[in-house]
C-alpha atoms as a PDB file:
ATOM      1  CA  MET A   1     318.380 -87.120 -28.715  1.00  0.00           C
ATOM      2  CA  LYS A   2     316.238 -84.339 -27.241  1.00  0.00           C
ATOM      3  CA  ALA A   3     317.714 -80.845 -27.035  1.00  0.00           C
ATOM      4  CA  VAL A   4     316.643 -77.214 -26.621  1.00  0.00           C
ATOM      5  CA  GLU A   5     317.228 -75.158 -29.740  1.00  0.00           C
ATOM      6  CA  LEU A   6     317.209 -71.390 -30.180  1.00  0.00           C
ATOM      7  CA  ASN A   7     315.742 -70.482 -33.571  1.00  0.00           C
ATOM      8  CA  GLY A   8     315.469 -66.707 -33.205  1.00  0.00           C
ATOM      9  CA  TYR A   9     316.005 -63.832 -30.801  1.00  0.00           C
ATOM     10  CA  GLU A  10     312.583 -63.337 -29.235  1.00  0.00           C
ATOM     11  CA  GLY A  11     313.478 -64.623 -25.799  1.00  0.00           C
ATOM     12  CA  THR A  12     311.623 -67.679 -24.552  1.00  0.00           C
ATOM     13  CA  LYS A  13     309.389 -67.602 -27.648  1.00  0.00           C
ATOM     14  CA  SER A  14     312.410 -68.695 -29.688  1.00  0.00           C
ATOM     15  CA  LEU A  15     313.147 -71.814 -27.626  1.00  0.00           C
ATOM     16  CA  ARG A  16     312.131 -75.165 -29.104  1.00  0.00           C
ATOM     17  CA  LEU A  17     312.437 -78.710 -27.852  1.00  0.00           C
ATOM     18  CA  VAL A  18     313.697 -80.654 -30.866  1.00  0.00           C
ATOM     19  CA  GLU A  19     315.150 -84.014 -31.728  1.00  0.00           C
ATOM     20  CA  VAL A  20     318.635 -83.913 -33.209  1.00  0.00           C
ATOM     21  CA  GLU A  21     321.480 -86.295 -33.867  1.00  0.00           C
ATOM     22  CA  LYS A  22     323.574 -87.200 -30.841  1.00  0.00           C
ATOM     23  CA  PRO A  23     326.978 -85.435 -31.028  1.00  0.00           C
ATOM     24  CA  ARG A  24     330.166 -87.402 -31.525  1.00  0.00           C
ATOM     25  CA  PRO A  25     333.234 -86.508 -29.468  1.00  0.00           C
ATOM     26  CA  LYS A  26     336.314 -85.229 -31.278  1.00  0.00           C
ATOM     27  CA  ALA A  27     339.715 -86.726 -30.543  1.00  0.00           C
ATOM     28  CA  ASN A  28     340.234 -84.622 -27.409  1.00  0.00           C
ATOM     29  CA  GLU A  29     336.621 -84.655 -26.226  1.00  0.00           C
ATOM     30  CA  VAL A  30     334.263 -86.819 -24.210  1.00  0.00           C
ATOM     31  CA  LEU A  31     330.561 -87.477 -24.687  1.00  0.00           C
ATOM     32  CA  ILE A  32     328.492 -86.856 -21.559  1.00  0.00           C
ATOM     33  CA  GLU A  33     325.077 -88.232 -20.731  1.00  0.00           C
ATOM     34  CA  VAL A  34     323.749 -85.011 -19.226  1.00  0.00           C
ATOM     35  CA  ARG A  35     322.151 -85.224 -15.789  1.00  0.00           C
ATOM     36  CA  ALA A  36     321.977 -81.495 -15.054  1.00  0.00           C
ATOM     37  CA  ALA A  37     322.606 -78.355 -17.116  1.00  0.00           C
ATOM     38  CA  GLY A  38     323.147 -75.008 -15.412  1.00  0.00           C
ATOM     39  CA  VAL A  39     321.096 -72.029 -16.603  1.00  0.00           C
ATOM     40  CA  ASN A  40     322.890 -68.667 -16.862  1.00  0.00           C
ATOM     41  CA  TYR A  41     321.914 -65.058 -17.449  1.00  0.00           C
ATOM     42  CA  ALA A  42     324.230 -65.135 -20.457  1.00  0.00           C
ATOM     43  CA  GLU A  43     321.919 -67.688 -22.078  1.00  0.00           C
ATOM     44  CA  ILE A  44     318.894 -65.517 -21.341  1.00  0.00           C
ATOM     45  CA  GLU A  45     320.689 -62.601 -22.999  1.00  0.00           C
ATOM     46  CA  LEU A  46     321.599 -64.857 -25.924  1.00  0.00           C
ATOM     47  CA  ALA A  47     317.936 -65.737 -26.460  1.00  0.00           C
ATOM     48  CA  LYS A  48     317.180 -62.007 -26.667  1.00  0.00           C
ATOM     49  CA  GLY A  49     319.953 -61.380 -29.195  1.00  0.00           C
ATOM     50  CA  ARG A  50     321.935 -59.400 -26.604  1.00  0.00           C
ATOM     51  CA  TYR A  51     324.829 -61.790 -25.980  1.00  0.00           C
ATOM     52  CA  TYR A  52     328.190 -60.079 -26.505  1.00  0.00           C
ATOM     53  CA  VAL A  53     329.339 -62.867 -28.858  1.00  0.00           C
ATOM     54  CA  PRO A  54     326.615 -63.359 -31.493  1.00  0.00           C
ATOM     55  CA  LYS A  55     325.531 -66.928 -32.228  1.00  0.00           C
ATOM     56  CA  GLN A  56     324.106 -68.021 -35.541  1.00  0.00           C
ATOM     57  CA  VAL A  57     320.684 -69.638 -35.193  1.00  0.00           C
ATOM     58  CA  PRO A  58     319.520 -72.316 -35.002  1.00  0.00           C
ATOM     59  CA  PHE A  59     321.753 -72.912 -31.998  1.00  0.00           C
ATOM     60  CA  LEU A  60     321.655 -75.638 -29.352  1.00  0.00           C
ATOM     61  CA  MET A  61     321.480 -73.931 -25.969  1.00  0.00           C
ATOM     62  CA  GLY A  62     323.502 -74.585 -22.822  1.00  0.00           C
ATOM     63  CA  PHE A  63     327.049 -73.606 -21.821  1.00  0.00           C
ATOM     64  CA  GLN A  64     327.644 -75.961 -18.874  1.00  0.00           C
ATOM     65  CA  ALA A  65     326.538 -79.437 -17.847  1.00  0.00           C
ATOM     66  CA  SER A  66     327.299 -82.306 -15.528  1.00  0.00           C
ATOM     67  CA  GLY A  67     326.785 -85.990 -16.116  1.00  0.00           C
ATOM     68  CA  VAL A  68     328.409 -89.324 -16.845  1.00  0.00           C
ATOM     69  CA  VAL A  69     331.040 -89.980 -19.517  1.00  0.00           C
ATOM     70  CA  VAL A  70     329.720 -92.505 -22.021  1.00  0.00           C
ATOM     71  CA  GLU A  71     332.347 -92.202 -24.774  1.00  0.00           C
ATOM     72  CA  THR A  72     335.867 -90.826 -25.081  1.00  0.00           C
ATOM     73  CA  GLY A  73     337.767 -89.431 -28.055  1.00  0.00           C
ATOM     74  CA  SER A  74     340.803 -91.224 -29.473  1.00  0.00           C
ATOM     75  CA  GLN A  75     343.305 -88.940 -27.698  1.00  0.00           C
ATOM     76  CA  VAL A  76     341.643 -88.888 -24.266  1.00  0.00           C
ATOM     77  CA  ASN A  77     343.494 -90.816 -21.574  1.00  0.00           C
ATOM     78  CA  THR A  78     342.508 -88.869 -18.450  1.00  0.00           C
ATOM     79  CA  LEU A  79     338.847 -89.901 -18.396  1.00  0.00           C
ATOM     80  CA  LYS A  80     336.914 -93.093 -19.041  1.00  0.00           C
ATOM     81  CA  ALA A  81     333.325 -94.221 -19.497  1.00  0.00           C
ATOM     82  CA  GLY A  82     331.450 -94.068 -16.210  1.00  0.00           C
ATOM     83  CA  ASP A  83     333.310 -91.060 -14.788  1.00  0.00           C
ATOM     84  CA  ALA A  84     331.099 -88.373 -13.247  1.00  0.00           C
ATOM     85  CA  ILE A  85     332.161 -84.933 -14.489  1.00  0.00           C
ATOM     86  CA  THR A  86     331.020 -81.360 -14.833  1.00  0.00           C
ATOM     87  CA  SER A  87     332.235 -78.993 -17.521  1.00  0.00           C
ATOM     88  CA  ILE A  88     331.772 -76.117 -19.865  1.00  0.00           C
ATOM     89  CA  VAL A  89     330.534 -77.906 -22.957  1.00  0.00           C
ATOM     90  CA  SER A  90     331.426 -77.634 -26.631  1.00  0.00           C
ATOM     91  CA  SER A  91     327.956 -78.679 -27.788  1.00  0.00           C
ATOM     92  CA  GLY A  92     324.617 -77.617 -26.315  1.00  0.00           C
ATOM     93  CA  GLY A  93     324.262 -78.546 -22.644  1.00  0.00           C
ATOM     94  CA  TYR A  94     320.459 -78.312 -22.715  1.00  0.00           C
ATOM     95  CA  ALA A  95     320.308 -81.796 -24.165  1.00  0.00           C
ATOM     96  CA  GLU A  96     320.377 -85.462 -23.276  1.00  0.00           C
ATOM     97  CA  TYR A  97     323.993 -85.675 -24.458  1.00  0.00           C
ATOM     98  CA  ALA A  98     326.752 -83.100 -24.861  1.00  0.00           C
ATOM     99  CA  THR A  99     330.467 -83.059 -25.681  1.00  0.00           C
ATOM    100  CA  ALA A 100     333.197 -81.435 -23.623  1.00  0.00           C
ATOM    101  CA  ASP A 101     336.924 -80.872 -23.981  1.00  0.00           C
ATOM    102  CA  ALA A 102     338.579 -83.466 -21.744  1.00  0.00           C
ATOM    103  CA  ASP A 103     341.171 -80.922 -20.613  1.00  0.00           C
ATOM    104  CA  VAL A 104     338.539 -78.681 -18.992  1.00  0.00           C
ATOM    105  CA  ALA A 105     336.330 -81.413 -17.563  1.00  0.00           C
ATOM    106  CA  ILE A 106     336.126 -81.446 -13.762  1.00  0.00           C
ATOM    107  CA  SER A 107     335.695 -84.644 -11.754  1.00  0.00           C
ATOM    108  CA  ILE A 108     332.737 -84.238  -9.425  1.00  0.00           C
ATOM    109  CA  PRO A 109     333.818 -84.221  -5.763  1.00  0.00           C
ATOM    110  CA  ASP A 110     332.429 -86.939  -3.486  1.00  0.00           C
ATOM    111  CA  GLY A 111     329.064 -86.101  -1.988  1.00  0.00           C
ATOM    112  CA  VAL A 112     328.215 -83.483  -4.614  1.00  0.00           C
ATOM    113  CA  SER A 113     325.088 -84.074  -6.697  1.00  0.00           C
ATOM    114  CA  PHE A 114     324.966 -83.606 -10.470  1.00  0.00           C
ATOM    115  CA  ALA A 115     322.801 -80.496  -9.994  1.00  0.00           C
ATOM    116  CA  GLU A 116     325.213 -79.017  -7.462  1.00  0.00           C
ATOM    117  CA  ALA A 117     328.174 -79.879  -9.677  1.00  0.00           C
ATOM    118  CA  ALA A 118     326.582 -77.966 -12.556  1.00  0.00           C
ATOM    119  CA  THR A 119     327.215 -74.764 -10.581  1.00  0.00           C
ATOM    120  CA  ILE A 120     330.997 -75.223 -10.511  1.00  0.00           C
ATOM    121  CA  PRO A 121     332.265 -74.603 -14.101  1.00  0.00           C
ATOM    122  CA  ILE A 122     330.780 -71.131 -14.534  1.00  0.00           C
ATOM    123  CA  GLN A 123     329.286 -69.760 -11.297  1.00  0.00           C
ATOM    124  CA  GLY A 124     331.875 -71.229  -8.950  1.00  0.00           C
ATOM    125  CA  LEU A 125     334.955 -70.535 -11.028  1.00  0.00           C
ATOM    126  CA  SER A 126     333.672 -67.090 -12.000  1.00  0.00           C
ATOM    127  CA  ALA A 127     333.306 -66.128  -8.349  1.00  0.00           C
ATOM    128  CA  PHE A 128     336.710 -67.484  -7.332  1.00  0.00           C
ATOM    129  CA  ALA A 129     338.543 -65.915 -10.270  1.00  0.00           C
ATOM    130  CA  LEU A 130     336.714 -62.608  -9.856  1.00  0.00           C
ATOM    131  CA  LEU A 131     337.909 -62.326  -6.266  1.00  0.00           C
ATOM    132  CA  LYS A 132     341.421 -63.688  -6.803  1.00  0.00           C
ATOM    133  CA  LEU A 133     342.299 -62.022 -10.093  1.00  0.00           C
ATOM    134  CA  ALA A 134     340.178 -58.856 -10.255  1.00  0.00           C
ATOM    135  CA  ALA A 135     338.891 -57.674  -6.868  1.00  0.00           C
ATOM    136  CA  LYS A 136     341.878 -58.855  -4.788  1.00  0.00           C
ATOM    137  CA  PRO A 137     340.317 -57.888  -1.440  1.00  0.00           C
ATOM    138  CA  VAL A 138     342.500 -57.675   1.657  1.00  0.00           C
ATOM    139  CA  ALA A 139     341.535 -58.523   5.221  1.00  0.00           C
ATOM    140  CA  SER A 140     340.894 -54.936   6.319  1.00  0.00           C
ATOM    141  CA  GLU A 141     338.415 -54.166   3.537  1.00  0.00           C
ATOM    142  CA  SER A 142     334.660 -54.229   3.099  1.00  0.00           C
ATOM    143  CA  VAL A 143     333.040 -55.839   0.041  1.00  0.00           C
ATOM    144  CA  LEU A 144     329.534 -55.124  -1.277  1.00  0.00           C
ATOM    145  CA  ILE A 145     327.991 -58.047  -3.190  1.00  0.00           C
ATOM    146  CA  GLN A 146     324.933 -57.495  -5.360  1.00  0.00           C
ATOM    147  CA  ALA A 147     322.515 -60.357  -6.130  1.00  0.00           C
ATOM    148  CA  ALA A 148     324.089 -62.182  -3.199  1.00  0.00           C
ATOM    149  CA  ALA A 149     321.627 -65.095  -3.312  1.00  0.00           C
ATOM    150  CA  GLY A 150     322.144 -65.735  -7.033  1.00  0.00           C
ATOM    151  CA  GLY A 151     324.303 -68.395  -8.636  1.00  0.00           C
ATOM    152  CA  VAL A 152     327.534 -66.378  -8.524  1.00  0.00           C
ATOM    153  CA  GLY A 153     326.557 -64.294  -5.491  1.00  0.00           C
ATOM    154  CA  ILE A 154     326.215 -67.273  -3.143  1.00  0.00           C
ATOM    155  CA  TYR A 155     329.743 -68.337  -4.033  1.00  0.00           C
ATOM    156  CA  LEU A 156     331.046 -64.769  -3.628  1.00  0.00           C
ATOM    157  CA  VAL A 157     329.648 -64.397  -0.102  1.00  0.00           C
ATOM    158  CA  GLN A 158     331.243 -67.619   1.079  1.00  0.00           C
ATOM    159  CA  LEU A 159     334.554 -67.197  -0.714  1.00  0.00           C
ATOM    160  CA  ALA A 160     335.004 -63.600   0.398  1.00  0.00           C
ATOM    161  CA  LYS A 161     334.678 -64.666   4.028  1.00  0.00           C
ATOM    162  CA  LEU A 162     337.011 -67.616   3.505  1.00  0.00           C
ATOM    163  CA  MET A 163     339.562 -65.245   1.955  1.00  0.00           C
ATOM    164  CA  GLY A 164     339.489 -63.234   5.164  1.00  0.00           C
ATOM    165  CA  VAL A 165     337.486 -60.158   4.145  1.00  0.00           C
ATOM    166  CA  LYS A 166     336.657 -58.114   7.240  1.00  0.00           C
ATOM    167  CA  ARG A 167     333.122 -57.127   6.286  1.00  0.00           C
ATOM    168  CA  VAL A 168     330.918 -58.730   3.635  1.00  0.00           C
ATOM    169  CA  ILE A 169     327.846 -56.647   2.794  1.00  0.00           C
ATOM    170  CA  ALA A 170     325.195 -58.551   0.839  1.00  0.00           C
ATOM    171  CA  LEU A 171     322.236 -57.271  -1.182  1.00  0.00           C
ATOM    172  CA  ALA A 172     319.218 -59.455  -1.967  1.00  0.00           C
ATOM    173  CA  SER A 173     315.518 -59.085  -2.714  1.00  0.00           C
ATOM    174  CA  SER A 174     313.693 -60.980   0.052  1.00  0.00           C
ATOM    175  CA  LYS A 175     313.909 -61.887   3.726  1.00  0.00           C
ATOM    176  CA  ALA A 176     314.497 -65.564   2.880  1.00  0.00           C
ATOM    177  CA  LYS A 177     317.456 -64.672   0.689  1.00  0.00           C
ATOM    178  CA  LEU A 178     318.876 -62.270   3.247  1.00  0.00           C
ATOM    179  CA  ASP A 179     318.564 -64.893   5.987  1.00  0.00           C
ATOM    180  CA  LEU A 180     320.364 -67.418   3.794  1.00  0.00           C
ATOM    181  CA  VAL A 181     323.341 -65.246   2.865  1.00  0.00           C
ATOM    182  CA  ARG A 182     323.658 -64.185   6.499  1.00  0.00           C
ATOM    183  CA  SER A 183     323.903 -67.864   7.449  1.00  0.00           C
ATOM    184  CA  LEU A 184     326.649 -68.255   4.836  1.00  0.00           C
ATOM    185  CA  GLY A 185     328.824 -65.568   6.335  1.00  0.00           C
ATOM    186  CA  ALA A 186     327.520 -62.153   5.256  1.00  0.00           C
ATOM    187  CA  ASP A 187     328.154 -59.638   8.022  1.00  0.00           C
ATOM    188  CA  LEU A 188     325.515 -57.144   6.915  1.00  0.00           C
ATOM    189  CA  THR A 189     322.507 -57.731   4.658  1.00  0.00           C
ATOM    190  CA  PHE A 190     320.176 -55.258   2.981  1.00  0.00           C
ATOM    191  CA  ASP A 191     317.049 -55.522   0.846  1.00  0.00           C
ATOM    192  CA  TYR A 192     317.765 -53.396  -2.220  1.00  0.00           C
ATOM    193  CA  GLY A 193     314.011 -52.943  -2.672  1.00  0.00           C
ATOM    194  CA  ASP A 194     313.990 -50.780   0.464  1.00  0.00           C
ATOM    195  CA  PRO A 195     314.603 -47.136  -0.538  1.00  0.00           C
ATOM    196  CA  ALA A 196     316.648 -46.634   2.635  1.00  0.00           C
ATOM    197  CA  TRP A 197     319.229 -49.335   1.915  1.00  0.00           C
ATOM    198  CA  THR A 198     321.932 -46.964   0.671  1.00  0.00           C
ATOM    199  CA  ASP A 199     321.624 -44.761   3.762  1.00  0.00           C
ATOM    200  CA  GLU A 200     321.852 -47.856   5.940  1.00  0.00           C
ATOM    201  CA  VAL A 201     325.054 -48.980   4.206  1.00  0.00           C
ATOM    202  CA  ARG A 202     326.602 -45.526   4.680  1.00  0.00           C
ATOM    203  CA  GLU A 203     325.636 -45.567   8.347  1.00  0.00           C
ATOM    204  CA  ALA A 204     327.038 -49.093   8.803  1.00  0.00           C
ATOM    205  CA  THR A 205     330.357 -47.993   7.278  1.00  0.00           C
ATOM    206  CA  ASP A 206     330.533 -44.774   9.366  1.00  0.00           C
ATOM    207  CA  GLY A 207     330.020 -42.738   6.214  1.00  0.00           C
ATOM    208  CA  ASN A 208     333.175 -44.081   4.585  1.00  0.00           C
ATOM    209  CA  GLY A 209     331.495 -46.293   2.000  1.00  0.00           C
ATOM    210  CA  VAL A 210     332.742 -49.687   0.827  1.00  0.00           C
ATOM    211  CA  ASP A 211     336.178 -50.619  -0.472  1.00  0.00           C
ATOM    212  CA  VAL A 212     335.029 -53.069  -3.155  1.00  0.00           C
ATOM    213  CA  VAL A 213     331.746 -53.204  -5.087  1.00  0.00           C
ATOM    214  CA  LEU A 214     331.026 -56.406  -6.995  1.00  0.00           C
ATOM    215  CA  GLU A 215     328.521 -55.095  -9.514  1.00  0.00           C
ATOM    216  CA  ALA A 216     326.390 -57.780 -11.137  1.00  0.00           C
ATOM    217  CA  ALA A 217     323.303 -55.638 -11.609  1.00  0.00           C
ATOM    218  CA  SER A 218     322.875 -52.685 -13.908  1.00  0.00           C
ATOM    219  CA  GLY A 219     320.230 -50.005 -13.525  1.00  0.00           C
ATOM    220  CA  GLU A 220     319.431 -48.145 -10.323  1.00  0.00           C
ATOM    221  CA  VAL A 221     320.926 -50.749  -7.974  1.00  0.00           C
ATOM    222  CA  GLY A 222     324.170 -50.635  -9.927  1.00  0.00           C
ATOM    223  CA  GLU A 223     324.318 -46.847  -9.895  1.00  0.00           C
ATOM    224  CA  GLU A 224     323.538 -46.565  -6.192  1.00  0.00           C
ATOM    225  CA  SER A 225     326.101 -49.234  -5.338  1.00  0.00           C
ATOM    226  CA  PHE A 226     328.750 -47.361  -7.317  1.00  0.00           C
ATOM    227  CA  LYS A 227     328.016 -44.165  -5.385  1.00  0.00           C
ATOM    228  CA  LEU A 228     328.801 -46.053  -2.162  1.00  0.00           C
ATOM    229  CA  LEU A 229     332.378 -46.735  -3.269  1.00  0.00           C
ATOM    230  CA  ALA A 230     334.968 -45.352  -0.837  1.00  0.00           C
ATOM    231  CA  PRO A 231     337.996 -43.261  -1.864  1.00  0.00           C
ATOM    232  CA  PHE A 232     340.592 -45.480  -3.539  1.00  0.00           C
ATOM    233  CA  GLY A 233     337.904 -48.150  -3.801  1.00  0.00           C
ATOM    234  CA  ARG A 234     337.343 -50.338  -6.823  1.00  0.00           C
ATOM    235  CA  ALA A 235     334.223 -51.526  -8.594  1.00  0.00           C
ATOM    236  CA  ILE A 236     334.318 -54.803 -10.498  1.00  0.00           C
ATOM    237  CA  VAL A 237     331.626 -54.947 -13.181  1.00  0.00           C
ATOM    238  CA  PHE A 238     330.653 -58.423 -14.395  1.00  0.00           C
ATOM    239  CA  GLY A 239     327.707 -60.397 -15.693  1.00  0.00           C
ATOM    240  CA  ALA A 240     325.726 -60.548 -18.898  1.00  0.00           C
ATOM    241  CA  ARG A 241     323.270 -57.881 -17.768  1.00  0.00           C
ATOM    242  CA  ASN A 242     326.028 -55.253 -17.698  1.00  0.00           C
ATOM    243  CA  VAL A 243     327.491 -55.814 -21.155  1.00  0.00           C
ATOM    244  CA  HIS A 244     325.339 -53.239 -22.947  1.00  0.00           C
ATOM    245  CA  ASP A 245     325.526 -50.494 -20.352  1.00  0.00           C
ATOM    246  CA  THR A 246     327.868 -47.587 -20.973  1.00  0.00           C
ATOM    247  CA  VAL A 247     330.060 -45.799 -18.456  1.00  0.00           C
ATOM    248  CA  SER A 248     328.403 -42.476 -17.694  1.00  0.00           C
ATOM    249  CA  SER A 249     330.280 -39.203 -17.388  1.00  0.00           C
ATOM    250  CA  GLU A 250     329.138 -39.067 -13.752  1.00  0.00           C
ATOM    251  CA  ARG A 251     330.941 -42.326 -13.055  1.00  0.00           C
ATOM    252  CA  VAL A 252     334.107 -41.077 -14.725  1.00  0.00           C
ATOM    253  CA  ARG A 253     334.055 -37.896 -12.621  1.00  0.00           C
ATOM    254  CA  GLN A 254     333.589 -39.940  -9.451  1.00  0.00           C
ATOM    255  CA  LEU A 255     336.470 -42.249 -10.398  1.00  0.00           C
ATOM    256  CA  ILE A 256     338.798 -39.285 -10.856  1.00  0.00           C
ATOM    257  CA  TYR A 257     337.725 -37.210  -7.876  1.00  0.00           C
ATOM    258  CA  LYS A 258     337.829 -40.160  -5.457  1.00  0.00           C
ATOM    259  CA  ASN A 259     340.886 -41.950  -6.889  1.00  0.00           C
ATOM    260  CA  GLN A 260     338.832 -45.043  -7.661  1.00  0.00           C
ATOM    261  CA  SER A 261     339.160 -47.905 -10.124  1.00  0.00           C
ATOM    262  CA  LEU A 262     336.598 -49.487 -12.441  1.00  0.00           C
ATOM    263  CA  ILE A 263     337.499 -53.053 -13.449  1.00  0.00           C
ATOM    264  CA  GLY A 264     335.726 -55.240 -15.966  1.00  0.00           C
ATOM    265  CA  PHE A 265     335.559 -59.006 -15.499  1.00  0.00           C
ATOM    266  CA  ASN A 266     334.499 -61.546 -18.122  1.00  0.00           C
ATOM    267  CA  PHE A 267     334.976 -65.217 -17.269  1.00  0.00           C
ATOM    268  CA  PRO A 268     335.068 -66.515 -20.895  1.00  0.00           C
ATOM    269  CA  SER A 269     337.998 -64.188 -21.612  1.00  0.00           C
ATOM    270  CA  LEU A 270     340.245 -65.743 -18.971  1.00  0.00           C
ATOM    271  CA  ARG A 271     343.218 -67.748 -20.135  1.00  0.00           C
ATOM    272  CA  ARG A 272     343.081 -71.467 -19.503  1.00  0.00           C
ATOM    273  CA  GLN A 273     346.103 -71.186 -17.222  1.00  0.00           C
ATOM    274  CA  GLN A 274     344.321 -68.645 -15.038  1.00  0.00           C
ATOM    275  CA  ILE A 275     341.372 -70.988 -14.624  1.00  0.00           C
ATOM    276  CA  ALA A 276     343.726 -73.861 -13.848  1.00  0.00           C
ATOM    277  CA  GLU A 277     345.283 -71.776 -11.072  1.00  0.00           C
ATOM    278  CA  CYS A 278     341.880 -71.223  -9.433  1.00  0.00           C
ATOM    279  CA  LEU A 279     340.274 -74.646  -9.821  1.00  0.00           C
ATOM    280  CA  PRO A 280     342.254 -76.730  -7.273  1.00  0.00           C
ATOM    281  CA  SER A 281     341.634 -74.275  -4.437  1.00  0.00           C
ATOM    282  CA  LEU A 282     337.924 -74.056  -5.235  1.00  0.00           C
ATOM    283  CA  LEU A 283     337.528 -77.839  -5.426  1.00  0.00           C
ATOM    284  CA  SER A 284     339.414 -78.237  -2.159  1.00  0.00           C
ATOM    285  CA  LEU A 285     337.023 -75.884  -0.376  1.00  0.00           C
ATOM    286  CA  ILE A 286     334.030 -77.727  -1.851  1.00  0.00           C
ATOM    287  CA  SER A 287     335.420 -81.139  -0.903  1.00  0.00           C
ATOM    288  CA  GLN A 288     336.037 -79.930   2.655  1.00  0.00           C
ATOM    289  CA  ARG A 289     332.418 -78.696   2.818  1.00  0.00           C
ATOM    290  CA  LYS A 290     333.646 -75.166   3.465  1.00  0.00           C
ATOM    291  CA  VAL A 291     331.616 -73.940   0.494  1.00  0.00           C
ATOM    292  CA  LYS A 292     327.976 -74.956   0.203  1.00  0.00           C
ATOM    293  CA  LEU A 293     326.479 -75.423  -3.260  1.00  0.00           C
ATOM    294  CA  PHE A 294     322.940 -74.362  -4.108  1.00  0.00           C
ATOM    295  CA  ALA A 295     321.029 -75.742  -7.086  1.00  0.00           C
ATOM    296  CA  ASN A 296     317.658 -76.288  -5.475  1.00  0.00           C
ATOM    297  CA  THR A 297     315.507 -75.219  -8.419  1.00  0.00           C
ATOM    298  CA  SER A 298     315.243 -77.640 -11.338  1.00  0.00           C
ATOM    299  CA  PHE A 299     313.071 -77.913 -14.412  1.00  0.00           C
ATOM    300  CA  PRO A 300     312.662 -80.681 -16.985  1.00  0.00           C
ATOM    301  CA  LEU A 301     314.288 -79.999 -20.334  1.00  0.00           C
ATOM    302  CA  ALA A 302     310.881 -79.321 -21.864  1.00  0.00           C
ATOM    303  CA  GLU A 303     310.374 -76.428 -19.431  1.00  0.00           C
ATOM    304  CA  ALA A 304     313.466 -74.398 -20.309  1.00  0.00           C
ATOM    305  CA  ALA A 305     311.288 -71.332 -20.871  1.00  0.00           C
ATOM    306  CA  SER A 306     309.942 -71.621 -17.318  1.00  0.00           C
ATOM    307  CA  ALA A 307     313.503 -71.873 -16.026  1.00  0.00           C
ATOM    308  CA  PHE A 308     314.406 -68.650 -17.848  1.00  0.00           C
ATOM    309  CA  GLU A 309     311.354 -66.885 -16.466  1.00  0.00           C
ATOM    310  CA  ALA A 310     312.032 -68.028 -12.906  1.00  0.00           C
ATOM    311  CA  LEU A 311     315.643 -66.848 -13.042  1.00  0.00           C
ATOM    312  CA  SER A 312     314.739 -63.537 -14.677  1.00  0.00           C
ATOM    313  CA  SER A 313     312.062 -62.776 -12.086  1.00  0.00           C
ATOM    314  CA  ARG A 314     314.446 -63.370  -9.159  1.00  0.00           C
ATOM    315  CA  GLN A 315     312.253 -66.155  -7.793  1.00  0.00           C
ATOM    316  CA  THR A 316     315.177 -68.499  -7.263  1.00  0.00           C
ATOM    317  CA  ILE A 317     318.127 -69.008  -4.942  1.00  0.00           C
ATOM    318  CA  GLY A 318     321.452 -70.212  -6.301  1.00  0.00           C
ATOM    319  CA  THR A 319     321.769 -71.820  -9.716  1.00  0.00           C
ATOM    320  CA  VAL A 320     318.790 -73.028 -11.756  1.00  0.00           C
ATOM    321  CA  VAL A 321     319.297 -76.337 -13.571  1.00  0.00           C
ATOM    322  CA  LEU A 322     317.601 -78.344 -16.295  1.00  0.00           C
ATOM    323  CA  THR A 323     317.350 -82.112 -15.872  1.00  0.00           C
ATOM    324  CA  PRO A 324     317.131 -83.854 -19.287  1.00  0.00           C
ATOM    325  CA  GLN A 325     316.124 -87.264 -17.921  1.00  0.00           C
ATOM    326  CA  GLU A 326     312.818 -85.792 -16.749  1.00  0.00           C
ATOM    327  CA  ALA A 327     311.956 -84.167 -20.077  1.00  0.00           C
ATOM    328  CA  GLU A 328     308.896 -85.369 -21.949  1.00  0.00           C
ATOM    329  CA  PHE A 329     309.223 -85.114 -25.704  1.00  0.00           C
ATOM    330  CA  GLN A 330     306.020 -85.085 -27.727  1.00  0.00           C
ATOM    331  CA  ASN A 331     307.039 -84.022 -31.218  1.00  0.00           C
ATOM    332  CA  ASN A 332     310.025 -82.822 -33.222  1.00  0.00           C
ATOM    333  CA  ALA A 333     309.427 -79.074 -32.752  1.00  0.00           C
ATOM    334  CA  GLN A 334     307.472 -78.513 -29.574  1.00  0.00           C
ATOM    335  CA  SER A 335     307.197 -74.870 -28.542  1.00  0.00           C
ATOM    336  CA  LEU A 336     308.413 -74.330 -24.992  1.00  0.00           C
END
């Protein structure tokens, strides 16, 4: 089968389209014919050698995929060939076929495309669990969401409103993105490229700041967002781009002086039971069309490098996916 392999840590230069043996499912696994594989910042960090859990290369890329079950392991009795599922995968998702643990596979809700379904296992569940288990916003609070038009951000905007948050404040990088997140429920939207955005947030909150900051972005945007945190507020830091940043002494002083909390959130570290507690509610909202899914940007498997570049440059809205059936394979080690 065709698959995308990482053979070094030089970013997109280390991605190769190769031909490898099709994986075989273990007793508790299923084999999926992949129709769409979600692209994540964690995978971009992995290609740069910055992922928090090192991977030995060569490594088949892709943490999540959706598709059709074509084979089941000897101990699987909950799924059968022909079932449409989406899942975190145990073998590389950037491939024509991948294996997944049957216990974590998610049946795709009616009316949801394979590309849309590929957003659920990581982006969707991350957003739901982040709000439910870490941020725990209450109805009277305000929540600031960075990268609000990204894969996780789009879920966060919608879920925060559905959970009854009084004021959702969304940051994005273009008018089109701001218009979109406003249509999804954001009460206030700001372009973080505008130097005046922090003053505008303070003015909109009567100088009080925000109760909850969902910090996906490091750097200046992250620092300025943190400064907007209200007394007794809490900042939830998540996302692959934040793993290598350190907590500055200025942040510690602010936390103490303003009685604030800094909370880390890492989806892969959640217990399976915690994920199981979140999944039914998320799927119910999706099935009822109360949460819209966005996976409008797709690339053939052979263009994984272009997918990485598009996501990194903030050119996209929602989740970026790879579609293996459209890939054109020319030789056994084609540079991407």
